[in-house]
Amino acid sequence: MALEALSKTPATLDELRTRVFYALQRHPLCRQVEFDIVSTPRTRRTNWTVSMHAVQPGALWTAHEIVADIQEAYELDAAA
């Protein structure tokens, strides 16, 4: 478990917001998704989440998978 946390790249809220935005923009169904990045108490998997709004029904699972991939790669920097 600790090894998983060490392998994640630290990022600020702005960096996470930018990465999620561009990742969603690359998929045609997800271009209209509105979202917020939210800092959460640290768990064994992550310390941030994405709150999605205005997601078209056909884009929900795709957007969820895109965000999950980013969450596996990045953690919110402790200084953020």
C-alpha atoms as a PDB file:
ATOM      1  CA  MET A   1       0.000   0.000   0.000  1.00  0.00           C
ATOM      2  CA  ALA A   2       2.744   2.478   0.896  1.00  0.00           C
ATOM      3  CA  LEU A   3       4.515   1.659  -2.356  1.00  0.00           C
ATOM      4  CA  GLU A   4       1.396   2.685  -4.290  1.00  0.00           C
ATOM      5  CA  ALA A   5       1.381   6.116  -2.617  1.00  0.00           C
ATOM      6  CA  LEU A   6       5.079   6.584  -3.387  1.00  0.00           C
ATOM      7  CA  SER A   7       4.592   5.853  -7.063  1.00  0.00           C
ATOM      8  CA  LYS A   8       2.055   8.647  -7.532  1.00  0.00           C
ATOM      9  CA  THR A   9       3.206  11.995  -8.843  1.00  0.00           C
ATOM     10  CA  PRO A  10       2.413  14.964  -6.569  1.00  0.00           C
ATOM     11  CA  ALA A  11       0.383  17.730  -8.223  1.00  0.00           C
ATOM     12  CA  THR A  12      -1.334  20.951  -7.173  1.00  0.00           C
ATOM     13  CA  LEU A  13      -5.071  21.540  -7.522  1.00  0.00           C
ATOM     14  CA  ASP A  14      -4.427  23.666 -10.622  1.00  0.00           C
ATOM     15  CA  GLU A  15      -2.285  20.954 -12.212  1.00  0.00           C
ATOM     16  CA  LEU A  16      -4.922  18.312 -11.505  1.00  0.00           C
ATOM     17  CA  ARG A  17      -7.650  20.570 -12.890  1.00  0.00           C
ATOM     18  CA  THR A  18      -5.643  21.095 -16.083  1.00  0.00           C
ATOM     19  CA  ARG A  19      -4.874  17.388 -16.530  1.00  0.00           C
ATOM     20  CA  VAL A  20      -8.506  16.357 -16.027  1.00  0.00           C
ATOM     21  CA  PHE A  21      -9.736  19.114 -18.368  1.00  0.00           C
ATOM     22  CA  TYR A  22      -7.438  18.128 -21.223  1.00  0.00           C
ATOM     23  CA  ALA A  23      -8.079  14.412 -20.722  1.00  0.00           C
ATOM     24  CA  LEU A  24     -11.835  14.953 -20.920  1.00  0.00           C
ATOM     25  CA  GLN A  25     -11.445  17.220 -23.962  1.00  0.00           C
ATOM     26  CA  ARG A  26      -9.719  14.437 -25.887  1.00  0.00           C
ATOM     27  CA  HIS A  27     -12.885  12.309 -25.837  1.00  0.00           C
ATOM     28  CA  PRO A  28     -15.788  13.602 -27.971  1.00  0.00           C
ATOM     29  CA  LEU A  29     -18.496  12.514 -25.495  1.00  0.00           C
ATOM     30  CA  CYS A  30     -16.763  14.188 -22.534  1.00  0.00           C
ATOM     31  CA  ARG A  31     -16.091  17.649 -23.953  1.00  0.00           C
ATOM     32  CA  GLN A  32     -19.128  19.193 -22.261  1.00  0.00           C
ATOM     33  CA  VAL A  33     -18.468  17.711 -18.813  1.00  0.00           C
ATOM     34  CA  GLU A  34     -18.230  20.329 -16.075  1.00  0.00           C
ATOM     35  CA  PHE A  35     -16.212  19.360 -13.012  1.00  0.00           C
ATOM     36  CA  ASP A  36     -14.536  20.539  -9.816  1.00  0.00           C
ATOM     37  CA  ILE A  37     -11.453  19.085  -8.150  1.00  0.00           C
ATOM     38  CA  VAL A  38     -12.052  18.552  -4.441  1.00  0.00           C
ATOM     39  CA  SER A  39      -9.437  17.896  -1.779  1.00  0.00           C
ATOM     40  CA  THR A  40     -10.499  15.044   0.512  1.00  0.00           C
ATOM     41  CA  PRO A  41      -9.057  13.462   3.643  1.00  0.00           C
ATOM     42  CA  ARG A  42      -6.270  11.071   2.697  1.00  0.00           C
ATOM     43  CA  THR A  43      -7.297   7.470   2.183  1.00  0.00           C
ATOM     44  CA  ARG A  44      -5.098   4.577   1.185  1.00  0.00           C
ATOM     45  CA  ARG A  45      -5.867   5.297  -2.493  1.00  0.00           C
ATOM     46  CA  THR A  46      -6.163   9.075  -2.923  1.00  0.00           C
ATOM     47  CA  ASN A  47      -6.546  12.481  -1.302  1.00  0.00           C
ATOM     48  CA  TRP A  48      -8.605  14.210  -3.987  1.00  0.00           C
ATOM     49  CA  THR A  49     -11.691  13.551  -6.064  1.00  0.00           C
ATOM     50  CA  VAL A  50     -13.581  14.992  -8.999  1.00  0.00           C
ATOM     51  CA  SER A  51     -17.132  16.229  -8.708  1.00  0.00           C
ATOM     52  CA  MET A  52     -18.694  16.017 -12.187  1.00  0.00           C
ATOM     53  CA  HIS A  53     -21.688  18.084 -13.295  1.00  0.00           C
ATOM     54  CA  ALA A  54     -23.687  18.225 -16.524  1.00  0.00           C
ATOM     55  CA  VAL A  55     -22.507  14.830 -17.732  1.00  0.00           C
ATOM     56  CA  GLN A  56     -24.406  13.425 -20.704  1.00  0.00           C
ATOM     57  CA  PRO A  57     -25.735   9.922 -19.990  1.00  0.00           C
ATOM     58  CA  GLY A  58     -23.569   8.364 -22.708  1.00  0.00           C
ATOM     59  CA  ALA A  59     -20.440   9.990 -21.315  1.00  0.00           C
ATOM     60  CA  LEU A  60     -20.771   9.040 -17.645  1.00  0.00           C
ATOM     61  CA  TRP A  61     -18.756   5.803 -17.654  1.00  0.00           C
ATOM     62  CA  THR A  62     -16.147   7.140 -20.053  1.00  0.00           C
ATOM     63  CA  ALA A  63     -15.610  10.270 -17.944  1.00  0.00           C
ATOM     64  CA  HIS A  64     -15.415   8.107 -14.811  1.00  0.00           C
ATOM     65  CA  GLU A  65     -12.727   5.898 -16.379  1.00  0.00           C
ATOM     66  CA  ILE A  66     -10.696   8.911 -17.521  1.00  0.00           C
ATOM     67  CA  VAL A  67     -10.779  10.425 -14.033  1.00  0.00           C
ATOM     68  CA  ALA A  68      -9.943   7.078 -12.396  1.00  0.00           C
ATOM     69  CA  ASP A  69      -6.842   6.733 -14.571  1.00  0.00           C
ATOM     70  CA  ILE A  70      -5.655  10.189 -13.521  1.00  0.00           C
ATOM     71  CA  GLN A  71      -6.370   9.444  -9.864  1.00  0.00           C
ATOM     72  CA  GLU A  72      -4.170   6.347 -10.072  1.00  0.00           C
ATOM     73  CA  ALA A  73      -1.273   8.444 -11.346  1.00  0.00           C
ATOM     74  CA  TYR A  74      -1.442  11.623  -9.228  1.00  0.00           C
ATOM     75  CA  GLU A  75      -1.888  12.636  -5.627  1.00  0.00           C
ATOM     76  CA  LEU A  76      -2.628  16.088  -4.300  1.00  0.00           C
ATOM     77  CA  ASP A  77       0.595  17.689  -3.154  1.00  0.00           C
ATOM     78  CA  ALA A  78       0.663  18.109   0.629  1.00  0.00           C
ATOM     79  CA  ALA A  79       1.689  21.746   0.196  1.00  0.00           C
ATOM     80  CA  ALA A  80      -1.406  22.476  -1.939  1.00  0.00           C
END
